[in-house]
Protein backbone atom coordinates (compact mmCIF):
# COMPACT_ATOMS: atom_id res chain seq x y z
CA MET A 1 12.07 30.42 -21.76
CA LYS A 2 13.18 27.63 -19.41
CA ARG A 3 16.12 25.36 -20.16
CA ILE A 4 16.59 21.60 -20.11
CA LEU A 5 20.04 20.03 -19.87
CA VAL A 6 20.58 17.31 -22.46
CA GLU A 7 23.51 15.34 -23.85
CA ARG A 8 25.51 17.08 -26.51
CA ASP A 9 25.74 15.08 -29.73
CA ALA A 10 23.14 12.60 -28.45
CA ASP A 11 22.23 9.83 -30.88
CA GLU A 12 19.36 10.77 -33.19
CA TRP A 13 17.30 7.79 -32.04
CA LYS A 14 16.88 9.43 -28.61
CA LYS A 15 15.10 12.45 -30.09
CA PRO A 16 11.54 11.08 -29.57
CA LEU A 17 12.24 10.84 -25.83
CA VAL A 18 13.57 14.40 -25.64
CA ASP A 19 10.61 15.72 -27.64
CA ALA A 20 8.19 13.81 -25.37
CA ILE A 21 9.78 15.35 -22.29
CA LYS A 22 9.54 18.84 -23.79
CA LYS A 23 5.86 18.28 -24.61
CA TYR A 24 5.26 16.90 -21.10
CA ILE A 25 6.76 20.07 -19.60
CA ILE A 26 4.56 22.26 -21.78
CA ASP A 27 1.42 20.29 -20.91
CA ASN A 28 2.08 20.08 -17.17
CA TYR A 29 4.00 23.28 -16.36
CA LEU A 30 2.93 25.55 -19.26
CA GLU A 31 6.58 26.30 -19.96
CA GLU A 32 8.44 26.32 -23.26
CA VAL A 33 11.94 24.83 -22.97
CA SER A 34 15.10 25.07 -25.01
CA CYS A 35 17.88 22.50 -24.89
CA ARG A 36 21.18 23.30 -23.24
CA PRO A 37 23.87 20.73 -24.12
CA PHE A 38 25.99 19.15 -21.41
CA THR A 39 29.56 18.97 -22.71
CA PRO A 40 31.77 16.64 -20.64
CA LYS A 41 34.93 17.48 -22.60
CA LYS A 42 34.47 21.15 -21.75
CA CYS A 43 34.42 20.35 -18.02
CA LEU A 44 38.18 20.22 -17.59
CA GLY A 45 38.60 23.62 -19.25
CA ASP A 46 35.99 25.11 -16.94
CA ILE A 47 37.86 23.81 -13.89
CA VAL A 48 41.18 25.23 -15.11
CA PHE A 49 40.00 28.63 -16.31
CA LYS A 50 36.99 29.47 -14.12
CA LYS A 51 37.64 29.93 -10.42
CA LYS A 52 34.00 29.41 -9.49
CA TYR A 53 34.34 25.76 -10.52
CA ALA A 54 37.64 25.13 -8.76
CA TYR A 55 36.30 25.14 -5.18
CA GLN A 56 33.58 22.58 -5.96
CA PHE A 57 36.10 20.46 -7.85
CA PHE A 58 38.60 20.29 -5.00
CA CYS A 59 35.86 19.56 -2.43
CA ALA A 60 34.76 16.51 -4.44
CA LEU A 61 38.33 15.48 -5.20
CA LYS A 62 39.28 15.59 -1.51
CA VAL A 63 36.43 13.24 -0.54
CA LEU A 64 37.18 10.79 -3.32
CA ILE A 65 40.93 10.66 -2.68
CA LYS A 66 40.34 10.09 1.03
CA HIS A 67 38.10 7.09 0.33
CA PHE A 68 40.48 5.82 -2.33
CA LEU A 69 43.55 5.88 -0.08
CA TYR A 70 41.89 4.59 3.10
CA LEU A 71 40.64 1.17 2.00
CA ARG A 72 38.48 0.67 5.08
CA LEU A 73 36.33 3.63 3.98
CA GLU A 74 35.70 2.04 0.54
CA LEU A 75 35.58 4.28 -2.51
CA ALA A 76 32.02 3.19 -3.36
CA ASN A 77 30.83 4.71 -0.07
CA ALA A 78 32.21 8.19 -0.79
CA GLU A 79 29.56 10.90 -0.47
CA ILE A 80 29.60 14.67 -0.67
CA ASP A 81 26.60 16.68 0.49
CA GLY A 82 24.30 13.69 0.05
CA VAL A 83 25.54 12.78 -3.44
CA ALA A 84 26.84 9.18 -3.65
CA ILE A 85 29.69 10.19 -5.93
CA GLY A 86 31.85 7.15 -5.05
CA ARG A 87 29.24 4.66 -6.24
CA TYR A 88 29.16 6.26 -9.68
CA VAL A 89 32.96 6.28 -9.83
CA VAL A 90 33.21 2.56 -9.03
CA ALA A 91 30.39 1.70 -11.47
CA THR A 92 32.25 3.54 -14.24
CA VAL A 93 35.58 1.94 -13.37
CA MET A 94 34.14 -1.57 -13.27
CA ARG A 95 32.23 -1.21 -16.53
CA HIS A 96 35.46 -1.76 -18.44
CA PRO A 97 35.76 -5.51 -19.20
CA LYS A 98 39.41 -5.59 -18.13
CA ALA A 99 38.49 -4.05 -14.76
CA ALA A 100 35.86 -6.74 -14.25
CA LYS A 101 38.54 -9.42 -14.58
CA SER A 102 41.58 -7.68 -13.06
CA SER A 103 41.76 -5.94 -9.68
CA SER A 104 45.07 -4.31 -10.63
CA PHE A 105 43.60 -2.84 -13.84
CA ALA A 106 40.64 -1.50 -11.84
CA LEU A 107 43.01 0.02 -9.28
CA PHE A 108 44.99 1.91 -11.91
CA ARG A 109 41.82 3.05 -13.66
CA LYS A 110 40.31 4.63 -10.54
CA PRO A 111 42.47 7.83 -10.32
CA LYS A 112 41.49 8.84 -13.86
CA ILE A 113 37.77 8.33 -13.20
CA ILE A 114 38.07 10.12 -9.86
CA LEU A 115 39.38 13.24 -11.60
CA ILE A 116 36.61 13.14 -14.20
CA ALA A 117 33.96 12.59 -11.52
CA ALA A 118 35.18 15.61 -9.53
CA CYS A 119 34.91 17.70 -12.72
CA TYR A 120 31.36 16.50 -13.31
CA TYR A 121 30.40 17.32 -9.73
CA ALA A 122 31.78 20.85 -9.94
CA VAL A 123 30.21 21.67 -13.29
CA ALA A 124 26.85 20.24 -12.15
CA GLU A 125 26.87 22.44 -9.05
CA ILE A 126 27.35 25.57 -11.14
CA THR A 127 25.08 24.49 -14.00
CA SER A 128 22.19 23.81 -11.62
CA LYS A 129 21.79 27.56 -11.14
CA ASP A 130 20.99 28.11 -14.80
CA ILE A 131 18.58 25.29 -15.70
CA GLU A 132 15.18 24.05 -14.58
CA TYR A 133 15.03 20.56 -16.14
CA SER A 134 17.42 17.78 -17.18
CA TYR A 135 17.46 14.57 -19.18
CA LEU A 136 20.77 12.72 -19.44
CA ASN A 137 20.76 9.14 -20.69
CA ASP A 138 22.98 6.36 -19.26
CA SER A 139 22.67 7.86 -15.79
CA SER A 140 23.92 4.74 -13.98
CA TYR A 141 27.44 6.08 -14.45
CA LEU A 142 29.05 9.55 -14.25
CA TYR A 143 25.90 11.29 -15.49
CA GLY A 144 24.34 10.02 -12.27
CA ILE A 145 26.55 12.46 -10.37
CA VAL A 146 25.14 15.29 -12.45
CA ASN A 147 21.54 14.15 -11.88
CA ASP A 148 21.94 13.84 -8.11
CA VAL A 149 23.59 17.26 -7.83
CA LEU A 150 20.78 18.79 -9.88
CA LEU A 151 18.12 17.13 -7.72
CA LYS A 152 19.85 18.38 -4.59
CA ASN A 153 19.56 21.90 -5.99
CA GLY A 154 15.90 21.68 -6.96
CA VAL A 155 16.15 20.88 -10.68
CA LYS A 156 13.51 18.50 -12.08
CA VAL A 157 15.30 15.49 -13.54
CA PHE A 158 13.87 13.03 -16.05
CA ARG A 159 15.46 9.61 -16.16
CA GLN A 160 14.91 6.19 -17.63
CA GLY A 161 14.74 3.43 -15.08
CA TYR A 162 13.37 -0.09 -15.22
CA PRO A 163 10.53 -0.89 -14.89
CA TYR A 164 9.49 2.53 -16.21
CA CYS A 165 10.06 4.23 -19.54
CA LEU A 166 10.56 7.70 -18.05
CA VAL A 167 10.28 9.06 -14.52
CA GLU A 168 10.05 12.72 -13.54
CA CYS A 169 12.08 13.13 -10.36
CA ASP A 170 10.27 16.14 -8.89
CA LYS A 171 9.67 17.45 -5.38
CA GLY A 172 10.64 15.09 -2.60
CA CYS A 173 13.02 13.11 -4.80
CA LYS A 174 16.47 13.49 -3.27
CA ARG A 175 18.35 11.01 -5.47
CA GLN A 176 17.69 9.64 -8.93
CA ILE A 177 17.59 6.15 -7.43
CA ASP A 178 14.55 6.98 -5.24
CA PRO A 179 11.83 6.20 -7.85
CA LEU A 180 13.38 2.76 -8.37
CA ARG A 181 13.29 1.80 -4.71
CA LEU A 182 9.63 1.84 -3.74
CA ARG A 183 6.89 -0.52 -2.71
CA LEU A 184 4.06 0.64 -4.94
CA ASN A 185 1.10 -1.38 -3.60
CA ARG A 186 -0.99 -0.84 -6.72
CA ALA A 187 -4.72 -1.29 -6.20
CA GLY A 188 -6.49 -4.40 -7.45
CA PHE A 189 -3.86 -7.00 -6.60
CA SER A 190 -4.88 -10.49 -7.63
CA TYR A 191 -2.77 -13.48 -6.56
CA LYS A 192 -4.27 -15.56 -9.38
CA LYS A 193 -3.62 -12.99 -12.11
CA ALA A 194 -0.05 -12.42 -10.95
CA GLU A 195 0.54 -16.18 -10.88
CA GLU A 196 -0.85 -16.51 -14.41
CA TYR A 197 1.46 -13.72 -15.56
CA VAL A 198 4.51 -15.48 -14.08
CA ASN A 199 3.53 -18.77 -15.75
CA ALA A 200 3.20 -17.04 -19.13
CA ARG A 201 6.52 -15.28 -18.60
CA LEU A 202 8.26 -18.56 -17.83
CA GLU A 203 6.72 -20.29 -20.86
CA ASN A 204 7.62 -17.50 -23.29
CA PRO A 205 10.52 -15.36 -22.04
CA GLN A 206 11.13 -13.93 -25.52
CA LYS A 207 8.07 -11.76 -25.06
CA ASN A 208 9.85 -9.87 -22.26
CA ILE A 209 13.48 -10.46 -23.26
CA GLY A 210 13.89 -9.49 -26.90
CA TYR A 211 17.40 -10.92 -27.18
CA PHE A 212 16.50 -14.34 -25.75
CA GLN A 213 17.39 -16.94 -28.39
CA ILE A 214 17.14 -20.70 -27.80
CA GLU A 215 18.70 -23.79 -29.34
CA GLU A 216 16.25 -26.68 -29.11
CA THR A 217 18.95 -29.35 -29.45
CA LEU A 218 20.87 -28.09 -26.43
CA ILE A 219 17.70 -27.79 -24.35
CA ASN A 220 16.51 -31.30 -25.22
CA ASN A 221 19.87 -32.79 -24.25
CA PHE A 222 20.17 -30.87 -21.00
CA ALA A 223 19.90 -32.64 -17.65
CA VAL A 224 20.67 -31.58 -14.08
CA GLU A 225 22.99 -33.78 -12.10
CA LYS A 226 21.04 -35.31 -9.20
CA ARG A 227 22.33 -33.88 -5.93
CA LYS A 228 20.86 -33.42 -2.46
CA LYS A 229 21.95 -29.83 -1.90
CA VAL A 230 21.85 -27.60 -4.99
CA ALA A 231 22.41 -23.87 -5.45
CA VAL A 232 21.48 -22.18 -8.72
CA VAL A 233 23.61 -19.07 -9.27
CA TYR A 234 22.23 -16.67 -11.87
CA THR A 235 24.86 -14.58 -13.61
CA HIS A 236 24.35 -10.97 -14.69
CA SER A 237 25.69 -8.60 -17.26
CA PHE A 238 29.20 -7.87 -15.99
CA THR A 239 29.48 -4.45 -17.54
CA ASP A 240 26.10 -2.77 -17.44
CA ALA A 241 24.54 -0.76 -14.58
CA GLN A 242 25.99 -2.92 -11.82
CA LEU A 243 25.60 -0.45 -8.96
CA VAL A 244 22.43 1.26 -10.14
CA TYR A 245 20.52 0.18 -6.98
CA GLY A 246 23.33 0.85 -4.49
CA TYR A 247 26.49 -0.71 -3.03
CA ASP A 248 26.44 -3.93 -0.98
CA GLY A 249 30.14 -4.69 -0.54
CA PHE A 250 30.88 -5.95 -4.07
CA GLU A 251 32.39 -3.52 -6.56
CA SER A 252 31.30 -5.69 -9.48
CA VAL A 253 29.03 -8.66 -10.11
CA TYR A 254 32.09 -10.52 -11.38
CA PHE A 255 33.67 -10.33 -7.93
CA TRP A 256 30.29 -11.21 -6.40
CA LEU A 257 29.98 -14.24 -8.69
CA ILE A 258 33.42 -15.67 -7.87
CA PHE A 259 32.89 -15.13 -4.15
CA THR A 260 29.46 -16.77 -4.31
CA VAL A 261 30.55 -19.91 -6.18
CA GLU A 262 33.53 -20.47 -3.87
CA LYS A 263 31.46 -19.92 -0.71
CA LEU A 264 28.64 -22.24 -1.79
CA ILE A 265 31.08 -25.03 -2.64
CA ASP A 266 32.71 -24.53 0.75
CA GLN A 267 29.24 -24.97 2.32
CA GLY A 268 28.69 -28.29 0.53
CA TYR A 269 26.43 -27.12 -2.30
CA PHE A 270 26.47 -28.43 -5.83
CA VAL A 271 26.41 -25.27 -7.95
CA LEU A 272 24.44 -24.81 -11.15
CA LEU A 273 25.92 -21.73 -12.83
CA LYS A 274 23.40 -20.31 -15.30
CA GLY A 275 24.68 -17.92 -17.95
CA HIS A 276 22.77 -14.71 -18.65
CA PRO A 277 20.83 -14.68 -21.97
CA ASN A 278 22.73 -11.53 -22.88
CA PHE A 279 25.86 -13.66 -23.43
CA TRP A 280 24.29 -15.15 -26.56
CA ALA A 281 22.45 -12.10 -27.87
CA PRO A 282 22.89 -12.13 -31.66
CA ASP A 283 23.88 -9.07 -33.70
CA TYR A 284 23.18 -6.56 -30.95
CA GLN A 285 24.14 -2.95 -31.66
CA SER A 286 25.89 -2.70 -28.29
CA LYS A 287 29.52 -3.04 -27.26
CA VAL A 288 28.29 -4.20 -23.85
CA VAL A 289 27.28 -7.57 -25.31
CA ALA A 290 30.82 -8.16 -26.59
CA TRP A 291 32.27 -7.11 -23.23
CA ASP A 292 29.97 -9.54 -21.40
CA LYS A 293 30.96 -12.44 -23.63
CA ASP A 294 34.63 -11.69 -22.97
CA VAL A 295 34.18 -11.74 -19.18
CA TRP A 296 31.96 -14.83 -19.34
CA LEU A 297 34.75 -16.75 -21.06
CA SER A 298 37.02 -15.85 -18.13
CA VAL A 299 34.42 -17.22 -15.72
CA LEU A 300 34.18 -20.47 -17.67
CA LYS A 301 37.94 -20.85 -17.57
CA TYR A 302 37.95 -20.24 -13.81
CA VAL A 303 35.26 -22.81 -12.93
CA LYS A 304 36.33 -25.42 -15.50
CA LYS A 305 38.25 -27.52 -12.97
CA MET A 306 35.63 -27.31 -10.21
CA ASP A 307 33.96 -30.71 -9.79
CA LEU A 308 30.98 -29.28 -7.89
CA VAL A 309 29.98 -26.81 -10.62
CA GLN A 310 27.75 -27.55 -13.60
CA VAL A 311 27.68 -24.69 -16.10
CA ILE A 312 24.64 -23.91 -18.22
CA ASP A 313 26.49 -22.35 -21.12
CA PHE A 314 23.56 -21.74 -23.44
CA PRO A 315 20.25 -19.83 -23.20
CA LEU A 316 17.88 -21.99 -21.17
CA TYR A 317 14.35 -21.05 -20.10
CA ASN A 318 14.23 -20.41 -16.39
CA GLY A 319 10.93 -22.26 -16.29
CA THR A 320 12.59 -25.34 -17.82
CA LEU A 321 15.37 -25.23 -15.25
CA LEU A 322 13.05 -24.75 -12.27
CA GLY A 323 10.95 -27.70 -13.46
CA LEU A 324 13.98 -29.98 -13.10
CA LEU A 325 14.75 -28.99 -9.51
CA ASP A 326 13.55 -30.15 -6.10
CA LYS A 327 12.34 -27.11 -4.12
CA SER A 328 13.23 -28.67 -0.79
CA GLU A 329 16.87 -29.20 -1.85
CA THR A 330 17.48 -26.05 -3.88
CA LEU A 331 18.60 -22.49 -3.15
CA LEU A 332 18.35 -19.82 -5.87
CA VAL A 333 21.02 -17.11 -5.66
CA SER A 334 21.04 -13.87 -7.64
CA HIS A 335 22.44 -10.41 -7.10
CA HIS A 336 19.56 -8.46 -8.67
CA GLY A 337 18.18 -10.55 -11.53
CA ASN A 338 14.53 -11.02 -12.48
CA ALA A 339 14.93 -14.82 -12.51
CA ILE A 340 14.92 -14.77 -8.71
CA ILE A 341 11.41 -13.26 -8.72
CA GLU A 342 10.15 -16.07 -10.93
CA GLY A 343 11.72 -18.66 -8.64
CA ALA A 344 10.31 -17.09 -5.48
CA ALA A 345 6.85 -16.98 -7.07
CA LYS A 346 7.24 -20.73 -7.62
CA LYS A 347 8.01 -21.22 -3.90
CA PHE A 348 11.78 -21.66 -4.17
CA LYS A 349 14.10 -20.42 -1.41
CA THR A 350 16.04 -17.38 -2.62
CA VAL A 351 18.92 -15.05 -1.78
CA SER A 352 19.41 -11.63 -3.37
CA SER A 353 20.91 -8.23 -2.64
CA VAL A 354 18.96 -5.32 -1.18
CA CYS A 355 20.62 -3.36 -3.99
CA SER A 356 17.95 -4.52 -6.40
CA LEU A 357 14.63 -3.34 -7.73
CA TRP A 358 12.80 -5.04 -4.83
CA GLY A 359 15.29 -4.04 -2.12
CA ASP A 360 14.10 -5.05 1.32
CA PHE A 361 10.53 -3.80 0.85
CA TYR A 362 9.32 -6.91 -1.01
CA CYS A 363 10.32 -9.65 1.42
CA PHE A 364 9.96 -12.85 -0.57
CA GLY A 365 13.31 -14.37 0.47
CA GLU A 366 16.62 -13.66 2.19
CA SER A 367 18.71 -10.57 1.37
CA TRP A 368 21.98 -8.93 2.37
CA ARG A 369 23.33 -5.38 2.76
CA THR A 370 27.06 -5.99 3.28
CA LYS A 371 29.62 -8.55 2.21
CA SER A 372 30.03 -9.87 5.77
CA GLU A 373 26.26 -10.21 6.11
CA TYR A 374 26.16 -12.12 2.82
CA ASN A 375 28.93 -14.42 4.00
CA ARG A 376 26.99 -15.29 7.17
CA LEU A 377 23.78 -15.75 5.19
CA LEU A 378 25.30 -18.38 2.92
CA GLU A 379 26.43 -20.32 5.99
CA LYS A 380 22.83 -20.84 7.13
CA PRO A 381 21.34 -24.34 6.84
CA LEU A 382 19.27 -24.64 3.67
CA GLN A 383 16.11 -25.51 5.62
CA GLU A 384 16.22 -22.16 7.46
CA PHE A 385 15.90 -19.96 4.36
CA ALA A 386 12.65 -18.05 4.09
CA CYS A 387 10.20 -18.18 1.19
CA ASN A 388 7.15 -15.95 0.70
CA PRO A 389 5.68 -16.42 -2.82
CA GLU A 390 2.85 -13.94 -2.24
CA GLU A 391 5.41 -11.14 -1.77
CA ALA A 392 7.06 -12.12 -5.06
CA LEU A 393 3.68 -12.03 -6.81
CA ARG A 394 2.94 -8.68 -5.21
CA PHE A 395 6.16 -7.38 -6.77
CA VAL A 396 5.16 -8.87 -10.13
CA TYR A 397 1.81 -7.09 -10.01
CA ASP A 398 3.26 -3.75 -8.91
CA ASN A 399 6.08 -3.70 -11.46
CA TYR A 400 5.88 -6.17 -14.36
CA MET A 401 2.12 -5.81 -14.73
CA ASN A 402 2.15 -2.03 -14.27
CA PRO A 403 0.53 -0.39 -17.35
CA LEU A 404 2.90 2.57 -16.96
CA GLY A 405 5.91 0.28 -16.89
CA TYR A 406 8.38 -1.13 -19.38
CA HIS A 407 5.96 -3.95 -20.27
CA GLY A 408 2.95 -1.63 -20.66
CA PRO A 409 1.38 -0.04 -23.76
CA PHE A 410 3.24 3.28 -23.42
CA TYR A 411 6.79 1.96 -23.64
CA TRP A 412 8.36 4.23 -26.25
CA LYS A 413 9.88 1.60 -28.56
CA ARG A 414 6.58 -0.30 -28.49
CA LEU A 415 4.85 2.85 -29.73
CA ILE A 416 7.45 3.61 -32.40
CA ALA A 417 7.91 0.12 -33.90
CA PRO A 418 4.58 -0.09 -35.84
CA LYS A 419 5.08 3.45 -37.13
CA LEU A 420 8.35 2.35 -38.67
CA GLY A 421 7.00 -0.98 -39.88
CA VAL A 422 9.46 -3.06 -37.83
CA GLU A 423 9.28 -5.42 -34.88
CA GLU A 424 9.92 -4.02 -31.40
CA ALA A 425 12.67 -6.61 -30.89
CA GLU A 426 14.49 -5.14 -33.90
CA LEU A 427 14.52 -1.71 -32.26
CA GLU A 428 15.95 -3.24 -29.11
CA ARG A 429 18.73 -4.85 -31.14
CA PHE A 430 19.32 -1.90 -33.45
CA PRO A 431 18.15 1.39 -31.87
CA SER A 432 19.71 3.33 -34.76
CA LEU A 433 16.72 2.15 -36.82
CA ILE A 434 14.75 4.84 -34.97
CA ILE A 435 14.98 7.70 -37.47
CA PRO A 436 12.55 10.43 -36.32
CA SER A 437 11.92 11.75 -39.85
CA GLN A 438 10.70 8.30 -40.91
CA ILE A 439 8.28 7.75 -38.00
CA ARG A 440 4.71 8.03 -39.29
CA CYS A 441 2.40 10.32 -37.27
CA TYR A 442 5.44 11.51 -35.28
CA ASP A 443 3.54 14.07 -33.18
CA ASP A 444 0.99 11.46 -32.12
CA VAL A 445 3.77 9.06 -31.12
CA VAL A 446 5.44 11.76 -29.01
CA LYS A 447 2.10 12.55 -27.37
CA ASN A 448 1.58 8.89 -26.46
CA ILE A 449 5.10 8.59 -25.04
CA THR A 450 4.24 11.41 -22.60
CA LYS A 451 1.43 9.21 -21.24
CA GLY A 452 4.09 6.80 -19.99
CA ILE A 453 5.97 9.44 -17.99
CA VAL A 454 5.38 8.91 -14.27
CA ARG A 455 5.93 11.47 -11.54
CA PHE A 456 7.84 10.57 -8.39
CA SER A 457 5.62 12.66 -6.12
CA ASP A 458 2.67 10.48 -7.17
CA PHE A 459 4.40 7.32 -5.87
CA GLY A 460 4.51 8.04 -2.16
CA SER A 461 7.50 7.72 0.12
CA SER A 462 10.74 5.96 -0.84
CA SER A 463 12.47 3.36 1.29
C-alpha cells in the first residue's frame, strides 16, 4: 500500500478533500493509500537524535544564516538545491501582525523561523524516501518547503491554489508554484463573453467574494476629489499568503503599500487608498481577519496627515469606484489583487507585480520584478503607461471562467453546501460547519470533488 503525507491533527472539515484525493489516486493510479501524518513538533527531536537528519538540517541552516547575515543577499532569495526556502521563511515571519508593522520585531522573529525551516527541510528530505503522495494545507508558508522538497524528489504533491480547488503537481512540476504561473490559452475565447463576465462581476462582487458586505449610506455619500493626476492603490490582506507567487523586493505588502503611497505622492499623484473588503468581513472564523484589521488601523494612522491621500475606509464596489474616475488621468496600482484585472479590462492603465497570478505572461499593463525596477516604473509619465484590455479579458476567460476553477461547478464547498443545507458563503465564513458525518450522499460529493482536481502535466509548460 502506498502512503500519502497529510497534516497530523488536521481539522475535521478538511476530510472531504483528503478523501477526494485518495479516491482520485485509486481511480487514476489504481493504488490504495494510507495516511502518514506529518508532525512538525517531532521534527526537532528527529534532528537531535537521528544523525541522518542532521546533515540536511545544517546544510539548510548554513544557507539561511548566510542570507540572513549578508543583507545584500536578501533572506527571501535563499535557495538550497532549487528549493526557495528563504521565501517561505520570510512569508512566515511577516504573517505575524506585529512583524507587518515593525521591522525590528520581524528581525528578531527571523532566527526562530530559520531554525524551524531548516528542521522542515531536513525532515522532508528524509521523509520523501518513504512516501509517494502528499497533501499539506496552508502551503504558502513552511509547509511549502516540505512540498518543494518532495517534488524535487519525485513525490506527487496535491495542493490548493487559486484559481483551482486542487492541483496534482505531477511529472514536470519542479515547484508547487508552477501550476499557478501559467498562461493557459483555453480554447473558445470570446472577447464579448469575457467582457460580459467582468461587467457582472463588477455589478455583483458578492457572488465571487463571499465576505463582501456593503453599507448603502456610505456608498451613496462617497465622492472622489476631482484631481488631474490620480493613482488608486488597492490594499491587500497584510497577513495571508503574501509571497505565494514569488519575491519582488518587498518582504510584505505592508512595506510595499507604504513605499507606494510615498512614491506616488512624490511624483505628484493624488492617491486614493482603497481598503480590502477583508478588513470589514463580519464574524469570520479566521484570526487572519483580526490581524488584517489591526494592521489596517496602523495604515490609517500613518496616512491621516497626508493631504494628498483620500482613504476609502469602507467596502466599496470596484465598479462604482472605476465609474467615478477619468481613465486618461488615472493609474491603478496593485501588488497582486484581482481588482487590477477588472480595471485593465475596463481600459485603465495599471501597475502590478510579476509575483501575481498573471505574472508577466498576461501583459495587460506594466509590471515589475525588483524594488528598483518598481521605483523607476512609478517615475514614468502617466501617459506612457501601457494598457491592453484584451489581455486582461484573456486572463479572465482562462482563469475566472474556467469550469475547473474556484468559480466553477466542482469547487468543493460549492458541492458540499447544498448537502448540508447551508449557503456556500456560510461555509466560507465558518468552515467548521463542514462535518463529514452530516454531509448527505457523502460518497457522491467526494466523487464530484475529484472531478475538479487538475493535473499539472495537462497544462503545458510553466513560465
